[in-house]
Amino acid sequence: MIGHIYRVIHLESDVQYVGSTLNEPLKRWQKHKQHYHEWVNDKRGKCEIYPYFQEHGINKFKLIPIKTYDVVERKHLEAYESLWISKLACVNKVNPFQIKKTIQKAAL
């Protein structure tokens, strides 16, 4: 099966979230948006990037595919995702409420 590693980036800073999907990246982005709106309405579900969407507007983010892998099962794709999370500085590993510090640092 084909799996994708992607990142969701904030267009005005270096904040990014790394994820994986067995769907097409565009479909996954649409699901992130749908789940975010559900989260806003009743705080159901959880994703480290949602507080960023809420503070800055989801329109200031975009999904960028990183790499496509041929995998045997979902666990293999998750292993690749973990490698990319380790490689990139992303909100998967840090406190998601530190975006203000990151934006201020980027403005310097």
PDB file of N, CA and C in Angstrom:
ATOM      1  N   MET A   1       0.843  -1.178   0.000  1.00  0.00           N
ATOM      2  CA  MET A   1       0.000   0.000   0.000  1.00  0.00           C
ATOM      3  C   MET A   1       0.887   1.239   0.000  1.00  0.00           C
ATOM      4  N   ILE A   2       0.338   2.317  -0.464  1.00  0.00           N
ATOM      5  CA  ILE A   2       1.070   3.578  -0.557  1.00  0.00           C
ATOM      6  C   ILE A   2       0.702   4.463   0.632  1.00  0.00           C
ATOM      7  N   GLY A   3       1.724   4.997   1.277  1.00  0.00           N
ATOM      8  CA  GLY A   3       1.518   5.911   2.397  1.00  0.00           C
ATOM      9  C   GLY A   3       2.277   7.200   2.163  1.00  0.00           C
ATOM     10  N   HIS A   4       1.819   8.244   2.785  1.00  0.00           N
ATOM     11  CA  HIS A   4       2.414   9.566   2.599  1.00  0.00           C
ATOM     12  C   HIS A   4       2.787  10.173   3.946  1.00  0.00           C
ATOM     13  N   ILE A   5       3.940  10.807   3.983  1.00  0.00           N
ATOM     14  CA  ILE A   5       4.341  11.629   5.116  1.00  0.00           C
ATOM     15  C   ILE A   5       4.177  13.069   4.650  1.00  0.00           C
ATOM     16  N   TYR A   6       3.614  13.895   5.514  1.00  0.00           N
ATOM     17  CA  TYR A   6       3.359  15.288   5.149  1.00  0.00           C
ATOM     18  C   TYR A   6       3.648  16.185   6.339  1.00  0.00           C
ATOM     19  N   ARG A   7       3.714  17.459   6.054  1.00  0.00           N
ATOM     20  CA  ARG A   7       3.804  18.438   7.138  1.00  0.00           C
ATOM     21  C   ARG A   7       2.774  19.523   6.905  1.00  0.00           C
ATOM     22  N   VAL A   8       2.237  20.023   7.991  1.00  0.00           N
ATOM     23  CA  VAL A   8       1.333  21.166   7.959  1.00  0.00           C
ATOM     24  C   VAL A   8       2.145  22.327   8.497  1.00  0.00           C
ATOM     25  N   ILE A   9       2.301  23.367   7.683  1.00  0.00           N
ATOM     26  CA  ILE A   9       3.153  24.487   8.082  1.00  0.00           C
ATOM     27  C   ILE A   9       2.332  25.755   8.291  1.00  0.00           C
ATOM     28  N   HIS A  10       2.792  26.552   9.232  1.00  0.00           N
ATOM     29  CA  HIS A  10       2.234  27.886   9.455  1.00  0.00           C
ATOM     30  C   HIS A  10       2.975  28.806   8.498  1.00  0.00           C
ATOM     31  N   LEU A  11       2.259  29.553   7.693  1.00  0.00           N
ATOM     32  CA  LEU A  11       2.866  30.349   6.624  1.00  0.00           C
ATOM     33  C   LEU A  11       3.654  31.552   7.117  1.00  0.00           C
ATOM     34  N   GLU A  12       3.512  31.922   8.389  1.00  0.00           N
ATOM     35  CA  GLU A  12       4.175  33.120   8.900  1.00  0.00           C
ATOM     36  C   GLU A  12       5.247  32.814   9.944  1.00  0.00           C
ATOM     37  N   SER A  13       5.568  31.544  10.140  1.00  0.00           N
ATOM     38  CA  SER A  13       6.611  31.175  11.106  1.00  0.00           C
ATOM     39  C   SER A  13       7.178  29.819  10.708  1.00  0.00           C
ATOM     40  N   ASP A  14       8.029  29.279  11.561  1.00  0.00           N
ATOM     41  CA  ASP A  14       8.605  27.968  11.279  1.00  0.00           C
ATOM     42  C   ASP A  14       7.859  26.837  11.992  1.00  0.00           C
ATOM     43  N   VAL A  15       6.669  27.098  12.483  1.00  0.00           N
ATOM     44  CA  VAL A  15       5.866  26.079  13.157  1.00  0.00           C
ATOM     45  C   VAL A  15       5.374  25.065  12.132  1.00  0.00           C
ATOM     46  N   GLN A  16       5.543  23.782  12.470  1.00  0.00           N
ATOM     47  CA  GLN A  16       5.075  22.742  11.570  1.00  0.00           C
ATOM     48  C   GLN A  16       4.670  21.499  12.351  1.00  0.00           C
ATOM     49  N   TYR A  17       3.777  20.748  11.752  1.00  0.00           N
ATOM     50  CA  TYR A  17       3.276  19.492  12.300  1.00  0.00           C
ATOM     51  C   TYR A  17       3.546  18.419  11.259  1.00  0.00           C
ATOM     52  N   VAL A  18       4.041  17.268  11.676  1.00  0.00           N
ATOM     53  CA  VAL A  18       4.307  16.167  10.757  1.00  0.00           C
ATOM     54  C   VAL A  18       3.273  15.074  10.987  1.00  0.00           C
ATOM     55  N   GLY A  19       2.735  14.552   9.890  1.00  0.00           N
ATOM     56  CA  GLY A  19       1.747  13.488   9.984  1.00  0.00           C
ATOM     57  C   GLY A  19       1.923  12.465   8.879  1.00  0.00           C
ATOM     58  N   SER A  20       1.111  11.429   8.935  1.00  0.00           N
ATOM     59  CA  SER A  20       1.148  10.388   7.907  1.00  0.00           C
ATOM     60  C   SER A  20      -0.279   9.999   7.546  1.00  0.00           C
ATOM     61  N   THR A  21      -0.434   9.480   6.344  1.00  0.00           N
ATOM     62  CA  THR A  21      -1.761   9.063   5.882  1.00  0.00           C
ATOM     63  C   THR A  21      -1.635   7.997   4.801  1.00  0.00           C
ATOM     64  N   LEU A  22      -2.627   7.138   4.754  1.00  0.00           N
ATOM     65  CA  LEU A  22      -2.735   6.177   3.663  1.00  0.00           C
ATOM     66  C   LEU A  22      -3.648   6.712   2.567  1.00  0.00           C
ATOM     67  N   ASN A  23      -4.247   7.857   2.809  1.00  0.00           N
ATOM     68  CA  ASN A  23      -5.074   8.546   1.814  1.00  0.00           C
ATOM     69  C   ASN A  23      -4.208   9.531   1.037  1.00  0.00           C
ATOM     70  N   GLU A  24      -4.791  10.138   0.037  1.00  0.00           N
ATOM     71  CA  GLU A  24      -4.088  11.197  -0.673  1.00  0.00           C
ATOM     72  C   GLU A  24      -3.911  12.388   0.276  1.00  0.00           C
ATOM     73  N   PRO A  25      -2.782  13.086   0.213  1.00  0.00           N
ATOM     74  CA  PRO A  25      -2.548  14.212   1.125  1.00  0.00           C
ATOM     75  C   PRO A  25      -3.656  15.268   1.119  1.00  0.00           C
ATOM     76  N   LEU A  26      -4.220  15.584  -0.034  1.00  0.00           N
ATOM     77  CA  LEU A  26      -5.294  16.580  -0.084  1.00  0.00           C
ATOM     78  C   LEU A  26      -6.514  16.116   0.721  1.00  0.00           C
ATOM     79  N   LYS A  27      -6.844  14.829   0.612  1.00  0.00           N
ATOM     80  CA  LYS A  27      -7.958  14.293   1.398  1.00  0.00           C
ATOM     81  C   LYS A  27      -7.645  14.372   2.891  1.00  0.00           C
ATOM     82  N   ARG A  28      -6.394  14.105   3.252  1.00  0.00           N
ATOM     83  CA  ARG A  28      -6.019  14.180   4.668  1.00  0.00           C
ATOM     84  C   ARG A  28      -6.126  15.610   5.170  1.00  0.00           C
ATOM     85  N   TRP A  29      -5.736  16.586   4.352  1.00  0.00           N
ATOM     86  CA  TRP A  29      -5.844  17.995   4.733  1.00  0.00           C
ATOM     87  C   TRP A  29      -7.311  18.361   4.966  1.00  0.00           C
ATOM     88  N   GLN A  30      -8.183  17.884   4.097  1.00  0.00           N
ATOM     89  CA  GLN A  30      -9.616  18.138   4.277  1.00  0.00           C
ATOM     90  C   GLN A  30     -10.118  17.531   5.585  1.00  0.00           C
ATOM     91  N   LYS A  31      -9.619  16.346   5.937  1.00  0.00           N
ATOM     92  CA  LYS A  31     -10.005  15.711   7.201  1.00  0.00           C
ATOM     93  C   LYS A  31      -9.477  16.501   8.397  1.00  0.00           C
ATOM     94  N   HIS A  32      -8.235  17.008   8.295  1.00  0.00           N
ATOM     95  CA  HIS A  32      -7.711  17.853   9.373  1.00  0.00           C
ATOM     96  C   HIS A  32      -8.641  19.043   9.595  1.00  0.00           C
ATOM     97  N   LYS A  33      -9.066  19.675   8.513  1.00  0.00           N
ATOM     98  CA  LYS A  33      -9.964  20.829   8.629  1.00  0.00           C
ATOM     99  C   LYS A  33     -11.295  20.430   9.266  1.00  0.00           C
ATOM    100  N   GLN A  34     -11.859  19.324   8.801  1.00  0.00           N
ATOM    101  CA  GLN A  34     -13.132  18.844   9.347  1.00  0.00           C
ATOM    102  C   GLN A  34     -12.992  18.531  10.836  1.00  0.00           C
ATOM    103  N   HIS A  35     -11.951  17.813  11.198  1.00  0.00           N
ATOM    104  CA  HIS A  35     -11.746  17.444  12.606  1.00  0.00           C
ATOM    105  C   HIS A  35     -11.455  18.669  13.465  1.00  0.00           C
ATOM    106  N   TYR A  36     -10.766  19.636  12.897  1.00  0.00           N
ATOM    107  CA  TYR A  36     -10.509  20.874  13.638  1.00  0.00           C
ATOM    108  C   TYR A  36     -11.828  21.575  13.977  1.00  0.00           C
ATOM    109  N   HIS A  37     -12.717  21.685  13.003  1.00  0.00           N
ATOM    110  CA  HIS A  37     -14.005  22.351  13.248  1.00  0.00           C
ATOM    111  C   HIS A  37     -14.833  21.584  14.286  1.00  0.00           C
ATOM    112  N   GLU A  38     -14.768  20.267  14.264  1.00  0.00           N
ATOM    113  CA  GLU A  38     -15.439  19.468  15.294  1.00  0.00           C
ATOM    114  C   GLU A  38     -14.813  19.740  16.662  1.00  0.00           C
ATOM    115  N   TRP A  39     -13.489  19.840  16.705  1.00  0.00           N
ATOM    116  CA  TRP A  39     -12.765  20.115  17.951  1.00  0.00           C
ATOM    117  C   TRP A  39     -13.154  21.481  18.508  1.00  0.00           C
ATOM    118  N   VAL A  40     -13.257  22.485  17.639  1.00  0.00           N
ATOM    119  CA  VAL A  40     -13.639  23.829  18.077  1.00  0.00           C
ATOM    120  C   VAL A  40     -15.029  23.810  18.707  1.00  0.00           C
ATOM    121  N   ASN A  41     -15.937  23.076  18.112  1.00  0.00           N
ATOM    122  CA  ASN A  41     -17.321  23.060  18.596  1.00  0.00           C
ATOM    123  C   ASN A  41     -17.504  22.308  19.907  1.00  0.00           C
ATOM    124  N   ASP A  42     -16.789  21.200  20.086  1.00  0.00           N
ATOM    125  CA  ASP A  42     -16.998  20.444  21.328  1.00  0.00           C
ATOM    126  C   ASP A  42     -15.721  19.860  21.916  1.00  0.00           C
ATOM    127  N   LYS A  43     -14.568  20.312  21.413  1.00  0.00           N
ATOM    128  CA  LYS A  43     -13.264  19.856  21.906  1.00  0.00           C
ATOM    129  C   LYS A  43     -13.107  18.337  21.811  1.00  0.00           C
ATOM    130  N   ARG A  44     -13.831  17.737  20.870  1.00  0.00           N
ATOM    131  CA  ARG A  44     -13.719  16.299  20.643  1.00  0.00           C
ATOM    132  C   ARG A  44     -12.485  16.025  19.803  1.00  0.00           C
ATOM    133  N   GLY A  45     -11.766  14.997  20.115  1.00  0.00           N
ATOM    134  CA  GLY A  45     -10.566  14.664  19.379  1.00  0.00           C
ATOM    135  C   GLY A  45      -9.395  15.518  19.828  1.00  0.00           C
ATOM    136  N   LYS A  46      -8.231  15.213  19.291  1.00  0.00           N
ATOM    137  CA  LYS A  46      -7.042  15.957  19.700  1.00  0.00           C
ATOM    138  C   LYS A  46      -5.991  15.890  18.601  1.00  0.00           C
ATOM    139  N   CYS A  47      -5.365  17.009  18.359  1.00  0.00           N
ATOM    140  CA  CYS A  47      -4.232  17.091  17.451  1.00  0.00           C
ATOM    141  C   CYS A  47      -3.406  18.284  17.892  1.00  0.00           C
ATOM    142  N   GLU A  48      -2.113  18.120  17.963  1.00  0.00           N
ATOM    143  CA  GLU A  48      -1.243  19.174  18.477  1.00  0.00           C
ATOM    144  C   GLU A  48      -1.342  20.486  17.715  1.00  0.00           C
ATOM    145  N   ILE A  49      -1.754  20.441  16.471  1.00  0.00           N
ATOM    146  CA  ILE A  49      -1.796  21.644  15.642  1.00  0.00           C
ATOM    147  C   ILE A  49      -3.070  22.461  15.841  1.00  0.00           C
ATOM    148  N   TYR A  50      -4.134  21.887  16.409  1.00  0.00           N
ATOM    149  CA  TYR A  50      -5.413  22.591  16.523  1.00  0.00           C
ATOM    150  C   TYR A  50      -5.339  23.905  17.288  1.00  0.00           C
ATOM    151  N   PRO A  51      -4.629  23.990  18.401  1.00  0.00           N
ATOM    152  CA  PRO A  51      -4.546  25.298  19.075  1.00  0.00           C
ATOM    153  C   PRO A  51      -3.918  26.374  18.183  1.00  0.00           C
ATOM    154  N   TYR A  52      -3.005  25.982  17.309  1.00  0.00           N
ATOM    155  CA  TYR A  52      -2.413  26.929  16.362  1.00  0.00           C
ATOM    156  C   TYR A  52      -3.456  27.395  15.355  1.00  0.00           C
ATOM    157  N   PHE A  53      -4.237  26.447  14.825  1.00  0.00           N
ATOM    158  CA  PHE A  53      -5.313  26.800  13.899  1.00  0.00           C
ATOM    159  C   PHE A  53      -6.262  27.794  14.554  1.00  0.00           C
ATOM    160  N   GLN A  54      -6.604  27.536  15.803  1.00  0.00           N
ATOM    161  CA  GLN A  54      -7.561  28.378  16.515  1.00  0.00           C
ATOM    162  C   GLN A  54      -7.012  29.784  16.723  1.00  0.00           C
ATOM    163  N   GLU A  55      -5.750  29.886  17.082  1.00  0.00           N
ATOM    164  CA  GLU A  55      -5.168  31.196  17.368  1.00  0.00           C
ATOM    165  C   GLU A  55      -4.918  32.023  16.114  1.00  0.00           C
ATOM    166  N   HIS A  56      -4.503  31.394  15.036  1.00  0.00           N
ATOM    167  CA  HIS A  56      -4.055  32.134  13.851  1.00  0.00           C
ATOM    168  C   HIS A  56      -4.938  31.973  12.625  1.00  0.00           C
ATOM    169  N   GLY A  57      -5.905  31.070  12.693  1.00  0.00           N
ATOM    170  CA  GLY A  57      -6.772  30.831  11.544  1.00  0.00           C
ATOM    171  C   GLY A  57      -6.219  29.720  10.674  1.00  0.00           C
ATOM    172  N   ILE A  58      -7.046  28.783  10.352  1.00  0.00           N
ATOM    173  CA  ILE A  58      -6.608  27.624   9.580  1.00  0.00           C
ATOM    174  C   ILE A  58      -6.146  28.017   8.179  1.00  0.00           C
ATOM    175  N   ASN A  59      -6.611  29.172   7.693  1.00  0.00           N
ATOM    176  CA  ASN A  59      -6.212  29.633   6.359  1.00  0.00           C
ATOM    177  C   ASN A  59      -4.753  30.078   6.307  1.00  0.00           C
ATOM    178  N   LYS A  60      -4.085  30.173   7.444  1.00  0.00           N
ATOM    179  CA  LYS A  60      -2.664  30.539   7.470  1.00  0.00           C
ATOM    180  C   LYS A  60      -1.762  29.309   7.553  1.00  0.00           C
ATOM    181  N   PHE A  61      -2.329  28.152   7.242  1.00  0.00           N
ATOM    182  CA  PHE A  61      -1.593  26.893   7.249  1.00  0.00           C
ATOM    183  C   PHE A  61      -1.804  26.187   5.925  1.00  0.00           C
ATOM    184  N   LYS A  62      -0.835  25.364   5.559  1.00  0.00           N
ATOM    185  CA  LYS A  62      -1.030  24.527   4.378  1.00  0.00           C
ATOM    186  C   LYS A  62      -0.306  23.208   4.564  1.00  0.00           C
ATOM    187  N   LEU A  63      -0.786  22.198   3.867  1.00  0.00           N
ATOM    188  CA  LEU A  63      -0.189  20.871   3.916  1.00  0.00           C
ATOM    189  C   LEU A  63       0.787  20.721   2.763  1.00  0.00           C
ATOM    190  N   ILE A  64       1.975  20.222   3.081  1.00  0.00           N
ATOM    191  CA  ILE A  64       3.002  19.979   2.074  1.00  0.00           C
ATOM    192  C   ILE A  64       3.433  18.516   2.175  1.00  0.00           C
ATOM    193  N   PRO A  65       3.268  17.736   1.101  1.00  0.00           N
ATOM    194  CA  PRO A  65       3.755  16.353   1.131  1.00  0.00           C
ATOM    195  C   PRO A  65       5.279  16.325   1.282  1.00  0.00           C
ATOM    196  N   ILE A  66       5.776  15.399   2.082  1.00  0.00           N
ATOM    197  CA  ILE A  66       7.221  15.243   2.265  1.00  0.00           C
ATOM    198  C   ILE A  66       7.726  14.090   1.411  1.00  0.00           C
ATOM    199  N   LYS A  67       7.135  12.915   1.610  1.00  0.00           N
ATOM    200  CA  LYS A  67       7.620  11.733   0.899  1.00  0.00           C
ATOM    201  C   LYS A  67       6.531  10.669   0.854  1.00  0.00           C
ATOM    202  N   THR A  68       6.561   9.871  -0.212  1.00  0.00           N
ATOM    203  CA  THR A  68       5.641   8.755  -0.387  1.00  0.00           C
ATOM    204  C   THR A  68       6.419   7.454  -0.202  1.00  0.00           C
ATOM    205  N   TYR A  69       5.821   6.517   0.521  1.00  0.00           N
ATOM    206  CA  TYR A  69       6.460   5.230   0.789  1.00  0.00           C
ATOM    207  C   TYR A  69       5.532   4.091   0.395  1.00  0.00           C
ATOM    208  N   ASP A  70       6.129   3.002  -0.067  1.00  0.00           N
ATOM    209  CA  ASP A  70       5.395   1.762  -0.288  1.00  0.00           C
ATOM    210  C   ASP A  70       5.567   0.951   0.993  1.00  0.00           C
ATOM    211  N   VAL A  71       4.480   0.726   1.716  1.00  0.00           N
ATOM    212  CA  VAL A  71       4.558   0.059   3.018  1.00  0.00           C
ATOM    213  C   VAL A  71       3.665  -1.175   3.042  1.00  0.00           C
ATOM    214  N   VAL A  72       3.995  -2.099   3.924  1.00  0.00           N
ATOM    215  CA  VAL A  72       3.213  -3.320   4.070  1.00  0.00           C
ATOM    216  C   VAL A  72       2.005  -3.079   4.970  1.00  0.00           C
ATOM    217  N   GLU A  73       2.199  -2.278   6.013  1.00  0.00           N
ATOM    218  CA  GLU A  73       1.100  -1.970   6.930  1.00  0.00           C
ATOM    219  C   GLU A  73       1.284  -0.586   7.532  1.00  0.00           C
ATOM    220  N   ARG A  74       0.254  -0.125   8.193  1.00  0.00           N
ATOM    221  CA  ARG A  74       0.230   1.227   8.785  1.00  0.00           C
ATOM    222  C   ARG A  74       1.392   1.459   9.753  1.00  0.00           C
ATOM    223  N   LYS A  75       1.769   0.440  10.516  1.00  0.00           N
ATOM    224  CA  LYS A  75       2.864   0.579  11.482  1.00  0.00           C
ATOM    225  C   LYS A  75       4.168   0.984  10.801  1.00  0.00           C
ATOM    226  N   HIS A  76       4.393   0.489   9.606  1.00  0.00           N
ATOM    227  CA  HIS A  76       5.608   0.858   8.871  1.00  0.00           C
ATOM    228  C   HIS A  76       5.591   2.347   8.532  1.00  0.00           C
ATOM    229  N   LEU A  77       4.436   2.836   8.108  1.00  0.00           N
ATOM    230  CA  LEU A  77       4.304   4.257   7.792  1.00  0.00           C
ATOM    231  C   LEU A  77       4.513   5.099   9.049  1.00  0.00           C
ATOM    232  N   GLU A  78       3.980   4.643  10.173  1.00  0.00           N
ATOM    233  CA  GLU A  78       4.156   5.364  11.433  1.00  0.00           C
ATOM    234  C   GLU A  78       5.625   5.415  11.853  1.00  0.00           C
ATOM    235  N   ALA A  79       6.388   4.376  11.513  1.00  0.00           N
ATOM    236  CA  ALA A  79       7.827   4.391  11.799  1.00  0.00           C
ATOM    237  C   ALA A  79       8.515   5.481  10.976  1.00  0.00           C
ATOM    238  N   TYR A  80       8.151   5.591   9.701  1.00  0.00           N
ATOM    239  CA  TYR A  80       8.699   6.672   8.873  1.00  0.00           C
ATOM    240  C   TYR A  80       8.294   8.037   9.429  1.00  0.00           C
ATOM    241  N   GLU A  81       7.044   8.144   9.860  1.00  0.00           N
ATOM    242  CA  GLU A  81       6.571   9.400  10.447  1.00  0.00           C
ATOM    243  C   GLU A  81       7.420   9.772  11.663  1.00  0.00           C
ATOM    244  N   SER A  82       7.695   8.805  12.521  1.00  0.00           N
ATOM    245  CA  SER A  82       8.524   9.060  13.707  1.00  0.00           C
ATOM    246  C   SER A  82       9.913   9.548  13.321  1.00  0.00           C
ATOM    247  N   LEU A  83      10.467   8.980  12.267  1.00  0.00           N
ATOM    248  CA  LEU A  83      11.784   9.430  11.799  1.00  0.00           C
ATOM    249  C   LEU A  83      11.737  10.891  11.355  1.00  0.00           C
ATOM    250  N   TRP A  84      10.691  11.270  10.616  1.00  0.00           N
ATOM    251  CA  TRP A  84      10.560  12.657  10.159  1.00  0.00           C
ATOM    252  C   TRP A  84      10.308  13.603  11.325  1.00  0.00           C
ATOM    253  N   ILE A  85       9.542  13.161  12.319  1.00  0.00           N
ATOM    254  CA  ILE A  85       9.311  13.991  13.503  1.00  0.00           C
ATOM    255  C   ILE A  85      10.634  14.245  14.213  1.00  0.00           C
ATOM    256  N   SER A  86      11.473  13.217  14.302  1.00  0.00           N
ATOM    257  CA  SER A  86      12.786  13.371  14.935  1.00  0.00           C
ATOM    258  C   SER A  86      13.695  14.295  14.132  1.00  0.00           C
ATOM    259  N   LYS A  87      13.558  14.244  12.819  1.00  0.00           N
ATOM    260  CA  LYS A  87      14.424  15.028  11.934  1.00  0.00           C
ATOM    261  C   LYS A  87      14.051  16.509  11.902  1.00  0.00           C
ATOM    262  N   LEU A  88      12.760  16.812  11.980  1.00  0.00           N
ATOM    263  CA  LEU A  88      12.278  18.190  11.849  1.00  0.00           C
ATOM    264  C   LEU A  88      11.830  18.738  13.199  1.00  0.00           C
ATOM    265  N   ALA A  89      12.006  20.024  13.387  1.00  0.00           N
ATOM    266  CA  ALA A  89      11.475  20.678  14.595  1.00  0.00           C
ATOM    267  C   ALA A  89       9.992  20.912  14.358  1.00  0.00           C
ATOM    268  N   CYS A  90       9.148  20.215  15.102  1.00  0.00           N
ATOM    269  CA  CYS A  90       7.714  20.336  14.862  1.00  0.00           C
ATOM    270  C   CYS A  90       6.937  20.286  16.170  1.00  0.00           C
ATOM    271  N   VAL A  91       5.686  20.688  16.104  1.00  0.00           N
ATOM    272  CA  VAL A  91       4.854  20.754  17.304  1.00  0.00           C
ATOM    273  C   VAL A  91       4.498  19.376  17.833  1.00  0.00           C
ATOM    274  N   ASN A  92       4.770  18.332  17.103  1.00  0.00           N
ATOM    275  CA  ASN A  92       4.547  16.992  17.608  1.00  0.00           C
ATOM    276  C   ASN A  92       5.400  16.741  18.851  1.00  0.00           C
ATOM    277  N   LYS A  93       6.525  17.479  18.960  1.00  0.00           N
ATOM    278  CA  LYS A  93       7.467  17.248  20.050  1.00  0.00           C
ATOM    279  C   LYS A  93       7.505  18.369  21.072  1.00  0.00           C
ATOM    280  N   VAL A  94       6.944  19.515  20.782  1.00  0.00           N
ATOM    281  CA  VAL A  94       7.044  20.659  21.686  1.00  0.00           C
ATOM    282  C   VAL A  94       5.673  21.120  22.131  1.00  0.00           C
ATOM    283  N   ASN A  95       5.664  21.963  23.133  1.00  0.00           N
ATOM    284  CA  ASN A  95       4.422  22.540  23.638  1.00  0.00           C
ATOM    285  C   ASN A  95       3.749  23.344  22.530  1.00  0.00           C
ATOM    286  N   PRO A  96       2.530  22.989  22.131  1.00  0.00           N
ATOM    287  CA  PRO A  96       1.881  23.685  21.025  1.00  0.00           C
ATOM    288  C   PRO A  96       1.504  25.127  21.319  1.00  0.00           C
ATOM    289  N   PHE A  97       1.622  25.557  22.554  1.00  0.00           N
ATOM    290  CA  PHE A  97       1.258  26.926  22.885  1.00  0.00           C
ATOM    291  C   PHE A  97       2.454  27.862  22.840  1.00  0.00           C
ATOM    292  N   GLN A  98       3.564  27.447  22.264  1.00  0.00           N
ATOM    293  CA  GLN A  98       4.754  28.277  22.164  1.00  0.00           C
ATOM    294  C   GLN A  98       4.837  29.032  20.846  1.00  0.00           C
ATOM    295  N   ILE A  99       3.792  29.061  20.067  1.00  0.00           N
ATOM    296  CA  ILE A  99       3.833  29.705  18.752  1.00  0.00           C
ATOM    297  C   ILE A  99       4.162  31.189  18.843  1.00  0.00           C
ATOM    298  N   LYS A 100       3.700  31.885  19.867  1.00  0.00           N
ATOM    299  CA  LYS A 100       3.988  33.316  19.985  1.00  0.00           C
ATOM    300  C   LYS A 100       5.484  33.545  20.077  1.00  0.00           C
ATOM    301  N   LYS A 101       6.178  32.727  20.840  1.00  0.00           N
ATOM    302  CA  LYS A 101       7.628  32.853  20.951  1.00  0.00           C
ATOM    303  C   LYS A 101       8.288  32.595  19.606  1.00  0.00           C
ATOM    304  N   THR A 102       7.788  31.605  18.877  1.00  0.00           N
ATOM    305  CA  THR A 102       8.354  31.273  17.575  1.00  0.00           C
ATOM    306  C   THR A 102       8.139  32.404  16.582  1.00  0.00           C
ATOM    307  N   ILE A 103       6.951  32.998  16.569  1.00  0.00           N
ATOM    308  CA  ILE A 103       6.668  34.114  15.663  1.00  0.00           C
ATOM    309  C   ILE A 103       7.545  35.308  16.017  1.00  0.00           C
ATOM    310  N   GLN A 104       7.679  35.590  17.298  1.00  0.00           N
ATOM    311  CA  GLN A 104       8.522  36.713  17.716  1.00  0.00           C
ATOM    312  C   GLN A 104       9.964  36.469  17.295  1.00  0.00           C
ATOM    313  N   LYS A 105      10.445  35.242  17.465  1.00  0.00           N
ATOM    314  CA  LYS A 105      11.804  34.909  17.081  1.00  0.00           C
ATOM    315  C   LYS A 105      11.979  35.050  15.571  1.00  0.00           C
ATOM    316  N   ALA A 106      10.987  34.622  14.803  1.00  0.00           N
ATOM    317  CA  ALA A 106      11.055  34.711  13.342  1.00  0.00           C
ATOM    318  C   ALA A 106      11.049  36.162  12.873  1.00  0.00           C
ATOM    319  N   ALA A 107      10.426  37.043  13.640  1.00  0.00           N
ATOM    320  CA  ALA A 107      10.341  38.456  13.257  1.00  0.00           C
ATOM    321  C   ALA A 107      11.659  39.193  13.483  1.00  0.00           C
ATOM    322  N   LEU A 108      12.535  38.636  14.306  1.00  0.00           N
ATOM    323  CA  LEU A 108      13.816  39.306  14.599  1.00  0.00           C
ATOM    324  C   LEU A 108      14.792  39.248  13.461  1.00  0.00           C
TER     325      LEU A 108
END
